[in-house]
Amino acid sequence: MWAIMHFVVAVILPLSTLAQQYGMCTAKNGRNGECISTKSCSSSGGVSDPANLCPGDNTIQCCTYGTCKNTKGVAGTCQPTSTCKGSSDPANLCPGGNHIQCCTAGSAPTGPSPSKPVNTMLTGLADILRGAGVNVVEVAGWKTRGHGVMSSVKGIICHHTAGAATGDYPSLAAIRDGTSSIAGPIAQLGLGRSGTWFIIAAGRAYHAGNTLDDSIYGNNNAIGIEAEGVGLPATETGHAHWPEVQYQSYVKGVKALQKAYGVPTARVLGHKEAAVPKGRKIDPNFSMAEFRAKLG
């Protein structure tokens, strides 16, 4: 009997954690949902959207739960509490787990505020950067690309590619697809010599390695930016080895990301500052103190 019960728990438990693993989504019907297996969605009374809206294989789809009325009789939609921009009613009014509640409009706080994403894909990256007035290129498939979802955004790490000496962003394929030693994506964002931002991945990227505090600067919790540059000479003085248009775009883009995700300037580090052991990395080859001073 114990063996049978152990097997059942081992099979069922991952289904209950799929939403945490694969994040939230918006289906083509405009409703907010969660990325879970089609089997788990159906058994919870939801409907799976077959469009390519979630990371994972074809069995992981965007699951939504329909309409509802809260305990005051106000119409709403059944959706994850983490996506509700109004008021979630904790009464048992919706199918699915306890995190699926009846969400009604009208109780959301007014005015802009930093986003605090949790276990989700960062699908707002392109809009955030366009809002800063920089040129943006959306690399095909970026919204579902990543090594799973981001746990949070608590830090931002600045890198340089140490790539080719010519071209705007010749390192794109390597950052997107990886190399023989590391699987892509290697960063969420790329920055060309022209100041153009390349949106590469919305999910976790393998850019940080071991850091002085993985809860802030690890791959799960920090956005990585790979700016095109040969990376030599290694220096911590000024930014003379960078095109001015690229450097100024770097500043603008990071400022916009800070505002959107509530990242303080003290948590914007160069890879050379975040990586351990100290001295393991030299990027980026400009003064991070000067860079942070420009962020304000």
Protein backbone atom coordinates (compact mmCIF):
# COMPACT_ATOMS: atom_id res chain seq x y z
CA MET A 1 0.00 0.00 0.00
CA TRP A 2 2.81 2.45 0.92
CA ALA A 3 4.51 1.78 -2.40
CA ILE A 4 1.28 2.56 -4.28
CA MET A 5 0.66 5.76 -2.31
CA HIS A 6 4.25 6.87 -2.86
CA PHE A 7 3.86 6.35 -6.61
CA VAL A 8 0.62 8.36 -6.73
CA VAL A 9 2.19 11.29 -4.88
CA ALA A 10 5.21 11.20 -7.18
CA VAL A 11 2.94 11.39 -10.23
CA ILE A 12 0.47 13.99 -8.96
CA LEU A 13 2.82 16.42 -7.22
CA PRO A 14 4.54 17.72 -10.38
CA LEU A 15 1.15 18.62 -11.90
CA SER A 16 0.41 20.89 -8.95
CA THR A 17 3.68 22.72 -9.44
CA LEU A 18 3.55 23.15 -13.23
CA ALA A 19 2.15 26.67 -12.97
CA GLN A 20 5.13 27.70 -10.87
CA GLN A 21 7.49 26.06 -13.32
CA TYR A 22 5.99 27.43 -16.54
CA GLY A 23 4.43 30.73 -15.45
CA MET A 24 1.36 32.71 -16.33
CA CYS A 25 -0.07 33.60 -19.75
CA THR A 26 -2.81 35.42 -21.64
CA ALA A 27 -4.88 33.27 -24.00
CA LYS A 28 -6.13 34.47 -27.37
CA ASN A 29 -9.56 35.02 -25.81
CA GLY A 30 -7.91 37.76 -23.75
CA ARG A 31 -8.24 35.95 -20.43
CA ASN A 32 -5.35 35.50 -18.03
CA GLY A 33 -4.40 31.94 -17.23
CA GLU A 34 -1.57 29.64 -16.29
CA CYS A 35 0.80 27.48 -18.31
CA ILE A 36 0.08 23.91 -17.20
CA SER A 37 -0.37 20.51 -18.83
CA THR A 38 -3.50 20.07 -20.94
CA LYS A 39 -4.42 17.04 -18.81
CA SER A 40 -4.20 19.01 -15.56
CA CYS A 41 -6.14 21.90 -17.13
CA SER A 42 -8.97 19.65 -18.25
CA SER A 43 -9.20 17.87 -14.90
CA SER A 44 -9.44 21.28 -13.18
CA GLY A 45 -12.31 22.45 -15.40
CA GLY A 46 -10.23 24.77 -17.56
CA VAL A 47 -9.77 25.20 -21.30
CA SER A 48 -6.36 24.93 -22.99
CA ASP A 49 -5.35 27.32 -25.79
CA PRO A 50 -3.29 25.40 -28.39
CA ALA A 51 -1.47 28.55 -29.58
CA ASN A 52 2.25 28.63 -28.77
CA LEU A 53 1.89 30.79 -25.66
CA CYS A 54 3.90 28.84 -23.09
CA PRO A 55 7.38 27.41 -22.64
CA GLY A 56 7.77 23.65 -22.63
CA ASP A 57 6.48 21.06 -25.10
CA ASN A 58 3.07 20.94 -26.81
CA THR A 59 1.45 19.41 -23.73
CA ILE A 60 2.04 22.68 -21.83
CA GLN A 61 -0.62 25.19 -22.91
CA CYS A 62 -2.33 28.34 -21.64
CA CYS A 63 -5.21 27.24 -19.40
CA THR A 64 -8.08 29.64 -18.66
CA TYR A 65 -11.12 29.12 -16.43
CA GLY A 66 -14.05 31.18 -17.71
CA THR A 67 -16.30 33.79 -16.10
CA CYS A 68 -17.69 34.14 -12.58
CA LYS A 69 -19.52 36.40 -10.13
CA ASN A 70 -17.99 37.35 -6.83
CA THR A 71 -19.82 37.15 -3.52
CA LYS A 72 -21.25 40.63 -4.14
CA GLY A 73 -22.69 39.55 -7.50
CA VAL A 74 -20.14 41.47 -9.59
CA ALA A 75 -19.13 39.75 -12.83
CA GLY A 76 -15.50 38.82 -13.30
CA THR A 77 -13.14 36.17 -14.67
CA CYS A 78 -11.57 33.17 -13.00
CA GLN A 79 -7.81 33.69 -13.14
CA PRO A 80 -4.63 33.32 -11.08
CA THR A 81 -4.47 35.79 -8.21
CA SER A 82 -1.02 36.86 -9.41
CA THR A 83 -2.49 38.23 -12.66
CA CYS A 84 -5.59 39.89 -11.20
CA LYS A 85 -5.37 43.68 -11.54
CA GLY A 86 -8.56 44.20 -9.59
CA SER A 87 -9.93 42.34 -6.58
CA SER A 88 -9.71 38.56 -6.08
CA ASP A 89 -12.55 36.94 -4.09
CA PRO A 90 -11.18 34.07 -1.95
CA ALA A 91 -14.55 32.29 -1.83
CA ASN A 92 -14.61 28.99 -3.72
CA LEU A 93 -16.15 30.41 -6.90
CA CYS A 94 -13.85 29.04 -9.60
CA PRO A 95 -12.52 25.69 -10.79
CA GLY A 96 -8.82 24.93 -10.34
CA GLY A 97 -6.62 25.36 -7.28
CA ASN A 98 -6.97 27.91 -4.50
CA HIS A 99 -4.84 30.36 -6.50
CA ILE A 100 -7.61 30.56 -9.15
CA GLN A 101 -10.12 33.10 -7.87
CA CYS A 102 -12.88 35.36 -9.19
CA CYS A 103 -11.20 38.59 -10.30
CA THR A 104 -13.29 41.74 -10.68
CA ALA A 105 -12.16 45.16 -11.86
CA GLY A 106 -12.20 48.38 -9.91
CA SER A 107 -9.97 47.71 -6.94
CA ALA A 108 -6.55 47.97 -8.50
CA PRO A 109 -4.22 50.70 -7.24
CA THR A 110 -3.97 53.73 -9.51
CA GLY A 111 -0.83 55.21 -11.02
CA PRO A 112 2.33 53.51 -12.29
CA SER A 113 4.26 51.22 -10.00
CA PRO A 114 7.16 48.83 -10.46
CA SER A 115 6.28 45.30 -11.54
CA LYS A 116 7.23 42.51 -9.16
CA PRO A 117 7.16 39.47 -11.45
CA VAL A 118 7.17 36.08 -9.78
CA ASN A 119 7.70 32.79 -11.65
CA THR A 120 6.83 34.21 -15.04
CA MET A 121 8.16 35.03 -18.50
CA LEU A 122 9.19 38.67 -18.96
CA THR A 123 7.01 39.30 -21.99
CA GLY A 124 6.95 43.07 -21.45
CA LEU A 125 10.64 43.61 -22.26
CA ALA A 126 10.10 44.99 -25.77
CA ASP A 127 7.46 47.49 -24.65
CA ILE A 128 9.59 48.61 -21.71
CA LEU A 129 12.56 49.39 -23.93
CA ARG A 130 10.51 51.02 -26.67
CA GLY A 131 9.07 53.26 -23.99
CA ALA A 132 12.61 54.48 -23.31
CA GLY A 133 12.88 55.69 -26.90
CA VAL A 134 15.51 53.20 -28.04
CA ASN A 135 15.44 51.10 -31.20
CA VAL A 136 14.21 47.55 -30.57
CA VAL A 137 14.44 44.33 -32.60
CA GLU A 138 12.31 41.42 -31.40
CA VAL A 139 14.13 38.18 -32.17
CA ALA A 140 11.66 35.55 -33.39
CA GLY A 141 10.39 33.29 -30.61
CA TRP A 142 11.69 35.43 -27.76
CA LYS A 143 8.48 35.38 -25.70
CA THR A 144 8.72 31.63 -25.15
CA ARG A 145 12.51 31.29 -25.15
CA GLY A 146 14.33 30.55 -21.90
CA HIS A 147 15.44 27.87 -19.48
CA GLY A 148 12.08 28.05 -17.70
CA VAL A 149 10.48 31.11 -16.15
CA MET A 150 12.16 33.89 -14.15
CA SER A 151 11.69 33.53 -10.40
CA SER A 152 11.89 37.31 -9.99
CA VAL A 153 13.71 40.41 -11.20
CA LYS A 154 15.86 41.69 -8.35
CA GLY A 155 19.07 42.53 -10.18
CA ILE A 156 20.49 43.54 -13.57
CA ILE A 157 23.89 42.33 -14.78
CA CYS A 158 25.82 44.16 -17.52
CA HIS A 159 28.06 42.12 -19.83
CA HIS A 160 30.06 42.49 -23.02
CA THR A 161 30.13 39.75 -25.65
CA ALA A 162 33.89 39.65 -26.36
CA GLY A 163 32.77 39.04 -29.94
CA ALA A 164 33.79 40.14 -33.42
CA ALA A 165 35.32 43.56 -34.00
CA THR A 166 32.84 44.58 -36.71
CA GLY A 167 29.09 44.46 -37.22
CA ASP A 168 26.20 45.72 -35.13
CA TYR A 169 25.37 42.54 -33.26
CA PRO A 170 27.33 39.61 -34.73
CA SER A 171 26.98 37.65 -31.47
CA LEU A 172 23.21 37.22 -31.82
CA ALA A 173 23.24 33.55 -32.83
CA ALA A 174 25.57 32.59 -29.98
CA ILE A 175 23.59 34.51 -27.37
CA ARG A 176 20.30 33.05 -28.63
CA ASP A 177 21.37 29.46 -29.33
CA GLY A 178 24.36 28.98 -27.05
CA THR A 179 27.81 27.56 -27.66
CA SER A 180 29.49 24.17 -27.35
CA SER A 181 29.98 24.82 -23.64
CA ILE A 182 26.72 26.54 -22.63
CA ALA A 183 23.12 26.21 -23.80
CA GLY A 184 21.30 29.27 -25.11
CA PRO A 185 19.78 31.63 -24.40
CA ILE A 186 22.82 33.19 -22.73
CA ALA A 187 21.07 36.51 -22.02
CA GLN A 188 17.60 38.00 -22.21
CA LEU A 189 18.84 41.10 -24.01
CA GLY A 190 21.50 42.10 -26.51
CA LEU A 191 22.75 45.58 -27.34
CA GLY A 192 24.27 46.38 -30.71
CA ARG A 193 26.97 48.92 -31.49
CA SER A 194 24.32 51.15 -33.08
CA GLY A 195 22.42 51.32 -29.79
CA THR A 196 19.77 48.86 -31.00
CA TRP A 197 18.38 46.47 -28.40
CA PHE A 198 17.73 42.84 -29.34
CA ILE A 199 15.01 41.09 -27.32
CA ILE A 200 16.24 37.50 -27.22
CA ALA A 201 14.48 35.69 -24.37
CA ALA A 202 11.68 36.28 -21.88
CA GLY A 203 12.71 33.44 -19.60
CA ARG A 204 15.73 32.47 -17.56
CA ALA A 205 19.08 32.81 -19.35
CA TYR A 206 22.46 31.29 -18.46
CA HIS A 207 24.51 34.47 -18.10
CA ALA A 208 25.51 34.87 -14.46
CA GLY A 209 27.25 31.72 -13.26
CA ASN A 210 28.15 31.76 -9.58
CA THR A 211 27.47 35.15 -7.99
CA LEU A 212 28.04 36.90 -4.69
CA ASP A 213 24.29 36.51 -3.96
CA ASP A 214 22.31 34.19 -6.23
CA SER A 215 19.03 35.31 -4.65
CA ILE A 216 19.60 38.67 -6.38
CA TYR A 217 22.14 38.15 -9.16
CA GLY A 218 21.69 34.48 -10.06
CA ASN A 219 20.14 33.43 -13.36
CA ASN A 220 16.74 32.96 -11.71
CA ASN A 221 16.59 36.52 -10.41
CA ALA A 222 18.64 38.83 -12.64
CA ILE A 223 18.25 40.12 -16.18
CA GLY A 224 21.39 39.66 -18.28
CA ILE A 225 22.39 42.15 -20.99
CA GLU A 226 25.08 41.13 -23.48
CA ALA A 227 26.34 44.28 -25.22
CA GLU A 228 28.45 43.83 -28.35
CA GLY A 229 32.10 44.63 -27.74
CA VAL A 230 35.50 43.00 -28.17
CA GLY A 231 36.08 43.44 -24.44
CA LEU A 232 39.67 44.63 -24.65
CA PRO A 233 41.51 46.28 -23.12
CA ALA A 234 40.12 45.25 -19.75
CA THR A 235 39.50 48.45 -17.85
CA GLU A 236 37.49 49.94 -15.03
CA THR A 237 38.03 53.51 -16.22
CA GLY A 238 35.59 55.55 -18.33
CA HIS A 239 33.98 54.10 -21.46
CA ALA A 240 36.38 55.18 -24.19
CA HIS A 241 36.30 51.80 -25.92
CA TRP A 242 32.54 51.97 -26.52
CA PRO A 243 30.64 53.86 -29.26
CA GLU A 244 28.90 56.77 -27.55
CA VAL A 245 25.55 55.91 -29.13
CA GLN A 246 25.77 52.38 -27.75
CA TYR A 247 26.84 53.51 -24.29
CA GLN A 248 24.06 56.09 -24.00
CA SER A 249 21.51 53.50 -25.17
CA TYR A 250 22.86 51.12 -22.51
CA VAL A 251 22.13 53.75 -19.87
CA LYS A 252 18.63 54.50 -21.23
CA GLY A 253 17.67 50.86 -21.48
CA VAL A 254 18.85 49.92 -18.01
CA LYS A 255 17.05 52.93 -16.54
CA ALA A 256 13.83 51.76 -18.16
CA LEU A 257 14.28 48.21 -16.85
CA GLN A 258 14.96 49.53 -13.35
CA LYS A 259 11.78 51.58 -13.39
CA ALA A 260 9.65 48.75 -14.75
CA TYR A 261 10.88 46.11 -12.30
CA GLY A 262 11.76 48.24 -9.27
CA VAL A 263 15.49 47.45 -9.34
CA PRO A 264 17.60 49.92 -7.33
CA THR A 265 20.78 51.27 -8.89
CA ALA A 266 22.87 49.50 -6.25
CA ARG A 267 21.69 46.22 -7.76
CA VAL A 268 22.90 47.05 -11.27
CA LEU A 269 26.28 45.32 -11.40
CA GLY A 270 28.84 44.44 -14.00
CA HIS A 271 29.50 40.75 -14.42
CA LYS A 272 33.00 41.44 -13.04
CA GLU A 273 31.37 42.70 -9.82
CA ALA A 274 28.72 40.01 -9.43
CA ALA A 275 30.79 36.95 -10.35
CA VAL A 276 32.62 34.85 -7.78
CA PRO A 277 35.38 34.14 -7.16
CA LYS A 278 36.49 37.76 -7.63
CA GLY A 279 38.46 38.18 -10.83
CA ARG A 280 36.60 35.41 -12.68
CA LYS A 281 35.12 37.93 -15.14
CA ILE A 282 36.27 41.26 -16.63
CA ASP A 283 33.06 42.44 -18.31
CA PRO A 284 32.01 45.00 -19.13
CA ASN A 285 35.20 46.93 -19.87
CA PHE A 286 33.94 50.30 -18.70
CA SER A 287 33.59 51.97 -15.32
CA MET A 288 30.57 50.62 -13.49
CA ALA A 289 30.82 53.45 -10.98
CA GLU A 290 30.42 55.97 -13.83
CA PHE A 291 27.60 53.90 -15.33
CA ARG A 292 25.66 53.78 -12.05
CA ALA A 293 26.17 57.50 -11.56
CA LYS A 294 24.42 58.08 -14.90
CA LEU A 295 21.53 55.87 -13.79
CA GLY A 296 20.91 58.23 -10.86
